[in-house]
């Protein structure tokens, strides 16, 4: 891995990090991955209880349908939710998504047959475009390059946290048994209602945090008065003793509410020969000299990255923005297109792994009449390890805890010391190796403790690769997108990824069912490994983000020349 040109200490990297709003985003987002992962421990048993699968091998197929309908509906609507967020704001879109998720969970929990569960998962996909919007919000909160990787790493951090809590809730609260007497009538009639009721309550709490504490980040709508945030500021001050910052709509000058005078990026004058301590030397006009909001009032020497961050924060349009009605064409530019394709492939094989590993392990151990394992190395593989929903919940939760450790401890060090592309290209090589080895776990059916250890080991490797490589793709996509089209591009990215998450369980549901029926379970996992190898090849076409490679204009008293960042 190639080291970065400028190494930062952890203190330097975290200086000025927007903790307050990032924590609000975490609270807003956390309930949704809990809802998504809570289904995994009991989906096998739910489909089996519904009686729609004629054989055990078909359970994987119908489980795949539940995942596919969610992703397909998300594919249909995520792009439009992104456009909605660009027009009406990020915050209203998030509020609608949280409400839709809570409603769909209630329908799922009280489903009496497979078709109601199918409808509930589709409803969740239709009413929720929050992943794309939250990606956009994070990028608009963290405007400095040194903060962006850590800010975007909160996405897998939130997911890993949800991967800890969700399977625990789904695994331990589902079923017809409970130690609370007053809940027994409920769980006997609706075995899967209790976990969904708990998670729906978490979504309602997340929505309340969103309403009162999340600030709008849309580049123009953030100046619109938000009465709910004012209530949140009152709560901060009276309950927590935190003095809230002055809001733009409370400024005494209406001009200050809508405009900030900053020079164009091309006219940033940087002292020739400097690298990271460049002084802005432009002459002030009479209007600029009297405007407290101008860059000249900063009162200290600005680094080049700080200057660019100020321009991109306060300018309504970047120089390379295209008209709004042609925004979709930005997706076809090479640096955006290849990043989106890599995100598509990663989404495809990750969702297949996450969806079918619990189903694969939950299958009964295949034995012959003498009690010996039917499976044999290398190609005769059938059955599973007879995992219960509690076993699966513990497995997914523990590896989720490891993912949190990676993101909080390992990722900051890696991001400070290595470039993004080498990190991504190195870590994704773990996926095909892990997928190729997973089907052979069932050969340890006679050694249950060792089998559990190996299952934990494989999921740990997969979690390590996901936790570090995934934020790099998010950051590249965001940095490649013009400001006025970021929500739209993130929405399109989610739509394309949703298409992957729709096609993956649908196609591999048939593959897994066929592989179990013909006792060649390795076919399903090796085909997934082949898909991960395609992702490794595709990563060759990625390049560093445009913001890192973009030339900056340098001017002296006599001439200007371009230098590379």
Protein backbone atom coordinates (compact mmCIF):
# COMPACT_ATOMS: atom_id res chain seq x y z
CA UNK A 1 0.00 0.00 0.00
CA UNK A 2 1.29 3.42 -0.91
CA UNK A 3 1.51 5.82 1.99
CA UNK A 4 -0.13 9.22 1.90
CA UNK A 5 2.03 12.23 1.15
CA UNK A 6 1.08 13.92 4.43
CA UNK A 7 0.73 11.78 7.56
CA UNK A 8 -1.58 13.13 10.23
CA UNK A 9 -1.64 12.29 13.88
CA UNK A 10 -4.96 11.13 15.32
CA UNK A 11 -5.36 14.47 17.09
CA UNK A 12 -4.77 16.39 13.84
CA UNK A 13 -7.18 14.16 11.97
CA UNK A 14 -9.96 14.62 14.52
CA UNK A 15 -9.49 18.36 14.97
CA UNK A 16 -12.76 20.12 14.09
CA UNK A 17 -14.64 16.85 13.47
CA UNK A 18 -18.43 17.54 13.41
CA UNK A 19 -19.24 15.21 16.31
CA UNK A 20 -22.62 16.68 17.25
CA UNK A 21 -24.42 16.12 13.97
CA UNK A 22 -22.63 12.82 13.27
CA UNK A 23 -23.98 11.50 16.58
CA UNK A 24 -27.47 12.65 15.61
CA UNK A 25 -27.09 10.84 12.27
CA UNK A 26 -26.06 7.67 14.12
CA UNK A 27 -29.16 7.88 16.32
CA UNK A 28 -31.37 8.49 13.27
CA UNK A 29 -29.89 5.64 11.26
CA UNK A 30 -29.29 2.94 13.87
CA UNK A 31 -32.81 1.45 14.02
CA UNK A 32 -32.92 0.60 10.31
CA UNK A 33 -29.98 -1.87 10.21
CA UNK A 34 -31.41 -3.36 13.40
CA UNK A 35 -34.67 -3.91 11.51
CA UNK A 36 -32.83 -5.33 8.49
CA UNK A 37 -30.64 -7.82 10.38
CA UNK A 38 -33.27 -8.88 12.94
CA UNK A 39 -34.97 -10.98 10.24
CA UNK A 40 -31.95 -13.20 9.56
CA UNK A 41 -32.08 -15.45 12.67
CA UNK A 42 -35.74 -16.39 12.25
CA UNK A 43 -36.45 -16.10 8.52
CA UNK A 44 -35.77 -19.83 8.03
CA UNK A 45 -38.26 -20.72 10.77
CA UNK A 46 -40.82 -18.11 9.65
CA UNK A 47 -40.91 -19.49 6.11
CA UNK A 48 -41.08 -23.02 7.48
CA UNK A 49 -43.99 -22.11 9.78
CA UNK A 50 -45.92 -20.50 6.93
CA UNK A 51 -45.88 -23.90 5.18
CA UNK A 52 -45.34 -22.46 1.71
CA UNK A 53 -42.16 -24.48 1.05
CA UNK A 54 -42.93 -28.08 0.10
CA UNK A 55 -39.44 -29.31 0.95
CA UNK A 56 -36.67 -28.04 3.20
CA UNK A 57 -34.52 -27.27 0.18
CA UNK A 58 -37.14 -24.75 -1.02
CA UNK A 59 -36.94 -22.71 2.18
CA UNK A 60 -33.84 -20.93 0.85
CA UNK A 61 -35.76 -19.97 -2.30
CA UNK A 62 -38.69 -18.43 -0.43
CA UNK A 63 -36.34 -16.71 2.03
CA UNK A 64 -34.63 -15.17 -0.97
CA UNK A 65 -37.96 -13.83 -2.21
CA UNK A 66 -38.45 -11.87 1.03
CA UNK A 67 -35.10 -10.20 0.58
CA UNK A 68 -35.54 -9.66 -3.16
CA UNK A 69 -38.90 -7.90 -2.94
CA UNK A 70 -37.47 -5.42 -0.44
CA UNK A 71 -34.50 -4.68 -2.69
CA UNK A 72 -36.62 -4.55 -5.87
CA UNK A 73 -39.02 -1.99 -4.36
CA UNK A 74 -36.04 0.01 -3.11
CA UNK A 75 -34.60 -0.12 -6.62
CA UNK A 76 -37.85 1.35 -7.98
CA UNK A 77 -37.98 4.26 -5.54
CA UNK A 78 -34.49 5.10 -4.18
CA UNK A 79 -33.58 7.31 -7.16
CA UNK A 80 -36.82 9.25 -6.76
CA UNK A 81 -36.29 9.59 -3.02
CA UNK A 82 -32.91 11.12 -3.85
CA UNK A 83 -34.55 13.62 -6.22
CA UNK A 84 -37.18 14.31 -3.55
CA UNK A 85 -34.39 15.09 -1.07
CA UNK A 86 -32.73 17.45 -3.57
CA UNK A 87 -36.00 19.33 -4.01
CA UNK A 88 -37.62 19.29 -0.56
CA UNK A 89 -34.71 18.67 1.77
CA UNK A 90 -32.85 15.82 3.45
CA UNK A 91 -34.70 15.97 6.76
CA UNK A 92 -38.30 15.52 5.48
CA UNK A 93 -37.16 12.55 3.40
CA UNK A 94 -35.57 10.87 6.41
CA UNK A 95 -38.72 11.41 8.48
CA UNK A 96 -40.89 9.76 5.83
CA UNK A 97 -38.49 6.81 5.56
CA UNK A 98 -38.46 6.17 9.32
CA UNK A 99 -42.25 6.28 9.46
CA UNK A 100 -42.56 3.88 6.53
CA UNK A 101 -40.12 1.41 8.11
CA UNK A 102 -42.01 1.37 11.40
CA UNK A 103 -45.32 0.74 9.61
CA UNK A 104 -43.92 -2.11 7.52
CA UNK A 105 -42.39 -3.81 10.58
CA UNK A 106 -45.77 -3.88 12.29
CA UNK A 107 -47.29 -5.52 9.21
CA UNK A 108 -44.45 -8.08 9.11
CA UNK A 109 -44.72 -8.94 12.79
CA UNK A 110 -48.44 -9.62 12.61
CA UNK A 111 -48.37 -11.52 9.31
CA UNK A 112 -50.35 -14.77 9.39
CA UNK A 113 -49.10 -16.10 6.06
CA UNK A 114 -46.19 -15.72 3.66
CA UNK A 115 -47.98 -13.27 1.36
CA UNK A 116 -48.51 -10.69 4.11
CA UNK A 117 -44.83 -10.97 5.02
CA UNK A 118 -43.95 -10.54 1.35
CA UNK A 119 -46.15 -7.41 1.19
CA UNK A 120 -44.55 -5.98 4.35
CA UNK A 121 -41.02 -6.34 2.99
CA UNK A 122 -42.05 -4.69 -0.27
CA UNK A 123 -43.67 -1.83 1.63
CA UNK A 124 -40.45 -1.23 3.54
CA UNK A 125 -38.53 -0.95 0.27
CA UNK A 126 -41.05 1.45 -1.28
CA UNK A 127 -41.23 3.87 1.65
CA UNK A 128 -37.57 4.09 2.59
CA UNK A 129 -34.79 5.86 0.72
CA UNK A 130 -32.84 6.83 3.81
CA UNK A 131 -29.52 5.15 3.05
CA UNK A 132 -28.82 7.42 0.07
CA UNK A 133 -29.98 10.54 1.90
CA UNK A 134 -27.86 9.79 4.96
CA UNK A 135 -24.80 9.30 2.75
CA UNK A 136 -25.48 12.73 1.29
CA UNK A 137 -25.97 14.32 4.71
CA UNK A 138 -22.71 12.88 6.00
CA UNK A 139 -20.82 14.29 3.02
CA UNK A 140 -22.42 17.70 3.54
CA UNK A 141 -21.55 17.70 7.24
CA UNK A 142 -17.92 16.58 6.86
CA UNK A 143 -16.53 19.03 4.32
CA UNK A 144 -12.81 18.57 5.07
CA UNK A 145 -11.00 15.70 3.34
CA UNK A 146 -9.31 14.57 6.56
CA UNK A 147 -12.76 14.05 8.14
CA UNK A 148 -14.56 12.41 5.23
CA UNK A 149 -13.24 8.84 5.50
CA UNK A 150 -13.97 8.73 9.23
CA UNK A 151 -17.40 10.31 8.69
CA UNK A 152 -18.31 7.81 5.97
CA UNK A 153 -17.02 4.97 8.14
CA UNK A 154 -19.99 5.66 10.42
CA UNK A 155 -22.17 3.94 7.78
CA UNK A 156 -20.60 0.48 8.26
CA UNK A 157 -20.20 1.30 11.97
CA UNK A 158 -23.93 1.84 12.26
CA UNK A 159 -24.60 -1.31 10.25
CA UNK A 160 -22.25 -3.38 12.39
CA UNK A 161 -23.90 -2.01 15.53
CA UNK A 162 -27.25 -2.97 14.05
CA UNK A 163 -25.75 -6.37 13.20
CA UNK A 164 -25.09 -6.81 16.92
CA UNK A 165 -28.45 -5.64 18.25
CA UNK A 166 -30.73 -6.83 15.42
CA UNK A 167 -29.90 -10.57 15.49
CA UNK A 168 -30.06 -10.54 19.30
CA UNK A 169 -33.57 -9.05 19.19
CA UNK A 170 -34.70 -11.31 16.34
CA UNK A 171 -33.10 -14.45 17.74
CA UNK A 172 -34.16 -14.15 21.38
CA UNK A 173 -37.58 -12.49 21.07
CA UNK A 174 -38.99 -14.54 18.19
CA UNK A 175 -40.85 -17.81 18.67
CA UNK A 176 -43.72 -19.05 20.82
CA UNK A 177 -41.87 -19.12 24.14
CA UNK A 178 -41.39 -16.23 26.55
CA UNK A 179 -40.83 -15.99 30.30
CA UNK A 180 -43.21 -13.03 30.61
CA UNK A 181 -46.72 -14.30 31.34
CA UNK A 182 -48.52 -11.27 29.93
CA UNK A 183 -46.80 -11.77 26.55
CA UNK A 184 -47.66 -15.46 26.12
CA UNK A 185 -51.02 -14.89 24.35
CA UNK A 186 -49.28 -12.54 21.91
CA UNK A 187 -46.34 -14.78 21.01
CA UNK A 188 -48.52 -17.88 20.66
CA UNK A 189 -50.72 -16.16 18.09
CA UNK A 190 -47.96 -14.09 16.46
CA UNK A 191 -44.52 -15.71 17.07
CA UNK A 192 -42.65 -12.95 15.22
CA UNK A 193 -44.55 -9.88 16.45
CA UNK A 194 -42.49 -9.15 19.57
CA UNK A 195 -39.11 -8.38 17.90
CA UNK A 196 -40.84 -6.22 15.31
CA UNK A 197 -42.77 -4.29 17.97
CA UNK A 198 -39.53 -3.55 19.81
CA UNK A 199 -37.75 -2.39 16.66
CA UNK A 200 -40.73 -0.28 15.53
CA UNK A 201 -40.49 1.50 18.88
CA UNK A 202 -36.81 2.20 18.21
CA UNK A 203 -37.72 3.65 14.82
CA UNK A 204 -40.24 5.99 16.44
CA UNK A 205 -37.52 7.16 18.85
CA UNK A 206 -35.12 7.69 15.92
CA UNK A 207 -37.78 9.75 14.17
CA UNK A 208 -38.16 11.99 17.24
CA UNK A 209 -34.40 12.58 17.33
CA UNK A 210 -34.47 13.39 13.62
CA UNK A 211 -37.30 15.89 14.06
CA UNK A 212 -35.80 17.84 16.95
CA UNK A 213 -32.03 17.57 16.57
CA UNK A 214 -31.10 16.96 12.92
CA UNK A 215 -30.12 20.09 10.98
CA UNK A 216 -31.02 20.40 7.32
CA UNK A 217 -27.88 20.17 5.14
CA UNK A 218 -29.33 20.94 1.70
CA UNK A 219 -27.17 23.70 0.21
CA UNK A 220 -30.08 26.18 -0.04
CA UNK A 221 -32.83 24.76 2.20
CA UNK A 222 -30.57 24.75 5.26
CA UNK A 223 -31.35 28.47 5.61
CA UNK A 224 -35.07 27.74 5.96
CA UNK A 225 -36.40 28.22 9.49
CA UNK A 226 -36.86 24.96 11.38
CA UNK A 227 -39.12 25.35 14.41
CA UNK A 228 -38.48 21.77 15.51
CA UNK A 229 -34.73 22.41 15.70
CA UNK A 230 -35.47 25.47 17.81
CA UNK A 231 -37.38 23.20 20.21
CA UNK A 232 -34.36 20.88 20.15
CA UNK A 233 -32.08 23.82 20.97
CA UNK A 234 -34.31 24.60 23.96
CA UNK A 235 -34.00 20.97 25.11
CA UNK A 236 -30.21 21.11 24.71
CA UNK A 237 -30.01 24.26 26.81
CA UNK A 238 -32.47 23.40 29.59
CA UNK A 239 -31.89 19.65 29.94
CA UNK A 240 -28.25 19.14 28.94
CA UNK A 241 -26.87 22.61 29.66
CA UNK A 242 -25.47 22.91 26.11
CA UNK A 243 -25.56 26.35 24.53
CA UNK A 244 -26.81 25.90 20.95
CA UNK A 245 -25.14 27.72 18.10
CA UNK A 246 -26.83 30.67 16.39
CA UNK A 247 -29.07 29.58 13.54
CA UNK A 248 -28.89 31.20 10.11
CA UNK A 249 -32.55 32.22 10.18
CA UNK A 250 -31.95 34.18 13.42
CA UNK A 251 -29.32 36.44 11.86
CA UNK A 252 -30.11 40.13 12.00
CA UNK A 253 -29.27 40.65 8.35
CA UNK A 254 -31.40 38.87 5.77
CA UNK A 255 -28.47 39.07 3.41
CA UNK A 256 -26.41 36.96 5.81
CA UNK A 257 -29.13 34.32 5.78
CA UNK A 258 -28.85 33.64 2.08
CA UNK A 259 -25.40 34.57 0.79
CA UNK A 260 -21.80 34.42 1.84
CA UNK A 261 -19.19 36.20 -0.29
CA UNK A 262 -16.42 33.81 -1.24
CA UNK A 263 -14.15 33.75 -4.26
CA UNK A 264 -14.47 31.12 -6.98
CA UNK A 265 -12.19 28.15 -6.59
CA UNK A 266 -10.25 29.21 -9.68
CA UNK A 267 -9.47 32.60 -8.12
CA UNK A 268 -8.09 31.31 -4.84
CA UNK A 269 -4.67 32.99 -4.70
CA UNK A 270 -2.13 30.85 -2.97
CA UNK A 271 1.42 31.93 -2.26
CA UNK A 272 3.62 30.18 -4.83
CA UNK A 273 5.73 27.34 -3.53
CA UNK A 274 3.65 26.61 -0.44
CA UNK A 275 1.95 23.24 0.01
CA UNK A 276 -0.23 23.05 3.09
CA UNK A 277 0.16 26.58 4.54
CA UNK A 278 -0.96 28.78 1.69
CA UNK A 279 -2.20 32.32 2.32
CA UNK A 280 -5.20 33.83 0.59
CA UNK A 281 -3.92 37.16 -0.82
CA UNK A 282 -6.76 38.46 -2.96
CA UNK A 283 -7.50 42.19 -2.73
CA UNK A 284 -10.76 43.18 -1.08
CA UNK A 285 -13.39 45.20 -2.81
CA UNK A 286 -15.30 47.81 -0.82
CA UNK A 287 -18.25 45.43 -0.43
CA UNK A 288 -16.01 42.57 0.68
CA UNK A 289 -14.15 44.70 3.19
CA UNK A 290 -17.38 45.58 4.93
CA UNK A 291 -18.91 42.11 4.84
CA UNK A 292 -18.32 40.18 8.05
CA UNK A 293 -19.20 36.91 6.28
CA UNK A 294 -16.37 37.10 3.73
CA UNK A 295 -13.37 34.80 3.84
CA UNK A 296 -11.09 37.76 4.64
CA UNK A 297 -12.69 37.96 8.07
CA UNK A 298 -11.33 34.55 9.02
CA UNK A 299 -8.36 36.28 10.57
CA UNK A 300 -5.71 33.62 10.02
CA UNK A 301 -3.81 31.89 7.26
CA UNK A 302 -5.95 29.25 5.53
CA UNK A 303 -4.59 25.99 4.24
CA UNK A 304 -5.47 25.04 0.69
CA UNK A 305 -7.89 22.33 1.82
CA UNK A 306 -9.61 24.74 4.18
CA UNK A 307 -10.01 27.25 1.35
CA UNK A 308 -11.50 24.65 -0.99
CA UNK A 309 -13.76 23.39 1.78
CA UNK A 310 -15.06 26.93 2.37
CA UNK A 311 -15.76 27.44 -1.31
CA UNK A 312 -17.61 24.13 -1.66
CA UNK A 313 -19.52 24.67 1.55
CA UNK A 314 -20.86 28.13 0.78
CA UNK A 315 -21.06 28.20 -3.01
CA UNK A 316 -24.46 27.23 -4.40
CA UNK A 317 -22.94 25.56 -7.45
CA UNK A 318 -19.53 24.18 -8.25
CA UNK A 319 -17.82 25.16 -11.42
CA UNK A 320 -18.20 21.74 -12.98
CA UNK A 321 -21.89 21.27 -12.08
CA UNK A 322 -24.22 20.40 -14.92
CA UNK A 323 -27.79 21.70 -15.21
CA UNK A 324 -30.24 19.96 -12.88
CA UNK A 325 -32.22 18.35 -15.68
CA UNK A 326 -29.03 16.72 -17.01
CA UNK A 327 -27.89 15.45 -13.63
CA UNK A 328 -28.33 11.80 -14.62
CA UNK A 329 -25.56 12.25 -17.20
CA UNK A 330 -23.09 12.70 -14.34
CA UNK A 331 -23.53 8.99 -13.62
CA UNK A 332 -21.89 8.21 -16.97
CA UNK A 333 -18.68 10.10 -16.23
CA UNK A 334 -15.88 7.55 -15.72
CA UNK A 335 -14.90 8.41 -12.14
CA UNK A 336 -18.53 8.13 -11.00
CA UNK A 337 -19.50 5.17 -13.19
CA UNK A 338 -16.71 2.81 -12.13
CA UNK A 339 -17.21 3.61 -8.43
CA UNK A 340 -20.94 2.88 -8.73
CA UNK A 341 -20.23 -0.41 -10.52
CA UNK A 342 -17.82 -1.49 -7.76
CA UNK A 343 -20.46 -0.61 -5.19
CA UNK A 344 -22.99 -2.69 -7.17
CA UNK A 345 -20.81 -5.80 -7.21
CA UNK A 346 -19.94 -5.51 -3.52
CA UNK A 347 -23.60 -5.08 -2.61
CA UNK A 348 -24.48 -8.16 -4.66
CA UNK A 349 -22.14 -10.67 -3.03
CA UNK A 350 -22.45 -9.21 0.48
CA UNK A 351 -26.25 -9.46 0.56
CA UNK A 352 -26.13 -13.06 -0.72
CA UNK A 353 -23.66 -13.98 2.02
CA UNK A 354 -25.61 -12.21 4.76
CA UNK A 355 -28.94 -13.64 3.62
CA UNK A 356 -27.96 -17.27 3.04
CA UNK A 357 -25.26 -18.02 5.59
CA UNK A 358 -27.89 -18.26 8.39
CA UNK A 359 -30.12 -20.39 6.15
CA UNK A 360 -27.20 -22.63 5.19
CA UNK A 361 -26.16 -23.16 8.82
CA UNK A 362 -29.78 -23.71 9.95
CA UNK A 363 -30.23 -26.75 7.67
CA UNK A 364 -30.25 -30.09 9.45
CA UNK A 365 -27.05 -32.10 9.55
CA UNK A 366 -27.33 -34.65 6.74
CA UNK A 367 -26.66 -38.18 8.02
CA UNK A 368 -27.19 -41.63 6.57
CA UNK A 369 -29.04 -44.51 8.27
CA UNK A 370 -25.94 -45.39 10.27
CA UNK A 371 -25.67 -41.84 11.61
CA UNK A 372 -22.59 -40.92 9.59
CA UNK A 373 -22.23 -37.63 7.70
CA UNK A 374 -23.49 -37.81 4.14
CA UNK A 375 -21.14 -35.02 3.02
CA UNK A 376 -17.61 -35.80 1.96
CA UNK A 377 -14.67 -33.75 0.70
CA UNK A 378 -14.42 -32.17 -1.82
CA UNK A 379 -17.63 -32.11 -3.89
CA UNK A 380 -20.32 -34.08 -2.07
CA UNK A 381 -21.77 -31.44 0.29
CA UNK A 382 -25.34 -31.32 1.59
CA UNK A 383 -27.21 -30.16 4.69
CA UNK A 384 -26.02 -27.74 7.36
CA UNK A 385 -25.09 -27.55 11.04
CA UNK A 386 -28.58 -27.46 12.58
CA UNK A 387 -28.11 -23.94 13.99
CA UNK A 388 -31.00 -22.54 16.02
CA UNK A 389 -32.15 -18.93 15.76
CA UNK A 390 -30.26 -18.27 19.02
CA UNK A 391 -27.06 -19.78 17.58
CA UNK A 392 -27.33 -17.61 14.48
CA UNK A 393 -28.17 -14.52 16.51
CA UNK A 394 -25.10 -15.01 18.70
CA UNK A 395 -22.87 -15.57 15.64
CA UNK A 396 -24.02 -12.44 13.83
CA UNK A 397 -24.00 -10.30 16.98
CA UNK A 398 -20.46 -11.27 18.00
CA UNK A 399 -19.03 -10.61 14.55
CA UNK A 400 -20.93 -7.32 14.58
CA UNK A 401 -19.06 -6.40 17.77
CA UNK A 402 -15.82 -7.19 16.00
CA UNK A 403 -16.90 -4.91 13.15
CA UNK A 404 -17.42 -2.07 15.62
CA UNK A 405 -13.92 -2.65 16.99
CA UNK A 406 -12.45 -2.56 13.49
CA UNK A 407 -14.16 0.70 12.59
CA UNK A 408 -13.37 2.46 15.86
CA UNK A 409 -9.79 1.25 16.37
CA UNK A 410 -8.32 -0.22 13.17
CA UNK A 411 -9.93 1.93 10.49
CA UNK A 412 -8.68 5.37 11.74
CA UNK A 413 -5.09 4.11 11.77
CA UNK A 414 -5.37 2.57 8.31
CA UNK A 415 -7.02 5.69 6.88
CA UNK A 416 -4.29 7.96 8.29
CA UNK A 417 -1.42 5.95 6.91
CA UNK A 418 -2.55 4.49 3.59
CA UNK A 419 -4.24 5.66 0.41
CA UNK A 420 -7.85 4.72 -0.24
CA UNK A 421 -7.45 2.66 -3.39
CA UNK A 422 -4.72 0.30 -2.14
CA UNK A 423 -6.79 -0.28 1.02
CA UNK A 424 -9.85 -1.17 -1.04
CA UNK A 425 -8.00 -3.34 -3.55
CA UNK A 426 -6.20 -5.30 -0.84
CA UNK A 427 -9.12 -5.96 1.49
CA UNK A 428 -11.61 -7.15 -1.15
CA UNK A 429 -9.30 -10.10 -1.88
CA UNK A 430 -10.53 -11.63 1.38
CA UNK A 431 -14.05 -12.16 0.01
CA UNK A 432 -13.39 -14.89 -2.61
CA UNK A 433 -11.14 -16.81 -0.22
CA UNK A 434 -13.78 -16.78 2.52
CA UNK A 435 -16.67 -17.69 0.22
CA UNK A 436 -14.73 -20.65 -1.23
CA UNK A 437 -14.10 -22.11 2.24
CA UNK A 438 -17.55 -21.61 3.82
CA UNK A 439 -19.31 -24.69 2.29
CA UNK A 440 -16.82 -27.05 3.95
CA UNK A 441 -17.91 -26.03 7.46
CA UNK A 442 -20.58 -28.72 7.35
CA UNK A 443 -17.87 -31.40 7.23
CA UNK A 444 -17.36 -30.56 10.91
CA UNK A 445 -20.88 -31.67 11.83
CA UNK A 446 -19.51 -34.28 14.24
CA UNK A 447 -17.38 -31.63 15.98
CA UNK A 448 -19.91 -28.96 16.84
CA UNK A 449 -17.57 -26.76 18.91
CA UNK A 450 -14.91 -26.67 16.18
CA UNK A 451 -17.60 -26.00 13.56
CA UNK A 452 -18.86 -23.00 15.54
CA UNK A 453 -15.30 -21.69 15.92
CA UNK A 454 -14.66 -21.94 12.17
CA UNK A 455 -17.98 -20.23 11.39
CA UNK A 456 -17.00 -17.37 13.69
CA UNK A 457 -13.57 -17.20 12.05
CA UNK A 458 -14.95 -16.91 8.51
CA UNK A 459 -17.53 -14.27 9.43
CA UNK A 460 -14.79 -12.32 11.25
CA UNK A 461 -12.62 -12.18 8.11
CA UNK A 462 -15.61 -11.09 6.04
CA UNK A 463 -16.47 -8.38 8.60
CA UNK A 464 -12.88 -7.08 8.56
CA UNK A 465 -12.93 -6.70 4.78
CA UNK A 466 -16.35 -5.05 4.74
CA UNK A 467 -15.70 -2.60 7.57
CA UNK A 468 -12.58 -1.12 6.01
CA UNK A 469 -13.24 -1.34 2.26
CA UNK A 470 -16.86 -0.19 2.19
CA UNK A 471 -16.24 3.41 3.46
CA UNK A 472 -13.70 3.94 0.69
CA UNK A 473 -16.32 3.38 -2.02
CA UNK A 474 -18.80 5.67 -0.26
CA UNK A 475 -16.22 8.44 -0.04
CA UNK A 476 -15.18 8.07 -3.68
CA UNK A 477 -18.79 8.25 -4.89
CA UNK A 478 -19.55 11.31 -2.78
CA UNK A 479 -16.38 13.16 -3.75
CA UNK A 480 -16.98 12.42 -7.42
CA UNK A 481 -20.49 13.88 -7.38
CA UNK A 482 -21.19 17.60 -7.96
CA UNK A 483 -22.82 19.26 -4.96
CA UNK A 484 -26.19 19.96 -6.59
CA UNK A 485 -26.56 16.31 -7.67
CA UNK A 486 -25.17 14.44 -4.67
CA UNK A 487 -28.48 13.21 -3.27
CA UNK A 488 -29.59 12.19 -6.76
CA UNK A 489 -26.34 10.29 -7.44
CA UNK A 490 -26.44 8.64 -4.03
CA UNK A 491 -30.07 7.78 -4.70
CA UNK A 492 -29.12 6.26 -8.06
CA UNK A 493 -26.31 4.35 -6.35
CA UNK A 494 -28.75 2.93 -3.82
CA UNK A 495 -31.18 2.05 -6.62
CA UNK A 496 -28.47 0.18 -8.49
CA UNK A 497 -27.29 -1.49 -5.28
CA UNK A 498 -30.91 -2.37 -4.50
CA UNK A 499 -31.10 -4.02 -7.90
CA UNK A 500 -28.10 -6.11 -6.85
CA UNK A 501 -29.75 -6.95 -3.53
CA UNK A 502 -32.90 -7.91 -5.44
CA UNK A 503 -31.21 -10.07 -8.07
CA UNK A 504 -28.76 -11.65 -5.63
CA UNK A 505 -31.19 -13.42 -3.25
CA UNK A 506 -33.55 -14.20 -6.13
CA UNK A 507 -30.90 -15.88 -8.28
CA UNK A 508 -28.88 -17.46 -5.48
CA UNK A 509 -32.07 -18.62 -3.77
CA UNK A 510 -32.57 -20.94 -6.73
CA UNK A 511 -28.87 -21.83 -6.81
CA UNK A 512 -28.79 -22.72 -3.11
CA UNK A 513 -32.00 -24.76 -3.37
CA UNK A 514 -30.69 -26.59 -6.45
CA UNK A 515 -27.29 -27.17 -4.84
CA UNK A 516 -28.88 -28.67 -1.71
CA UNK A 517 -31.23 -30.83 -3.77
CA UNK A 518 -28.32 -32.28 -5.80
CA UNK A 519 -25.95 -32.37 -2.79
CA UNK A 520 -23.39 -29.98 -4.29
CA UNK A 521 -23.64 -27.05 -1.86
CA UNK A 522 -20.18 -25.85 -2.88
CA UNK A 523 -21.57 -24.68 -6.26
CA UNK A 524 -23.55 -21.85 -4.66
CA UNK A 525 -20.62 -20.59 -2.60
CA UNK A 526 -18.03 -20.95 -5.34
CA UNK A 527 -20.22 -19.01 -7.74
CA UNK A 528 -20.33 -16.25 -5.13
CA UNK A 529 -16.55 -16.40 -4.94
CA UNK A 530 -16.37 -15.96 -8.72
CA UNK A 531 -18.49 -12.82 -8.38
CA UNK A 532 -16.06 -11.42 -5.80
CA UNK A 533 -13.18 -12.10 -8.23
CA UNK A 534 -14.97 -9.96 -10.82
CA UNK A 535 -15.03 -7.16 -8.25
CA UNK A 536 -11.28 -7.47 -7.81
CA UNK A 537 -10.79 -7.10 -11.56
CA UNK A 538 -13.20 -4.16 -11.73
CA UNK A 539 -11.26 -2.30 -9.03
CA UNK A 540 -8.42 -1.84 -11.54
CA UNK A 541 -10.48 0.88 -13.24
CA UNK A 542 -10.93 2.99 -10.12
CA UNK A 543 -8.83 6.05 -9.52
CA UNK A 544 -8.34 8.47 -6.69
CA UNK A 545 -11.15 10.90 -6.02
CA UNK A 546 -11.31 13.98 -8.27
CA UNK A 547 -10.94 16.31 -5.26
CA UNK A 548 -7.56 14.78 -4.51
CA UNK A 549 -6.37 14.90 -8.09
CA UNK A 550 -7.91 18.21 -9.11
CA UNK A 551 -5.41 20.97 -9.98
CA UNK A 552 -5.48 24.15 -7.89
CA UNK A 553 -4.72 27.58 -9.39
CA UNK A 554 -1.68 29.27 -7.87
CA UNK A 555 -1.01 32.94 -8.47
CA UNK A 556 1.99 35.12 -7.73
CA UNK A 557 2.36 38.85 -8.39
CA UNK A 558 3.22 38.22 -12.00
CA UNK A 559 1.80 34.88 -13.12
CA UNK A 560 -0.26 31.81 -12.20
CA UNK A 561 0.41 28.12 -12.75
CA UNK A 562 -1.33 24.86 -11.94
CA UNK A 563 -0.02 22.53 -9.29
CA UNK A 564 -1.38 19.17 -8.20
CA UNK A 565 -2.96 18.72 -4.78
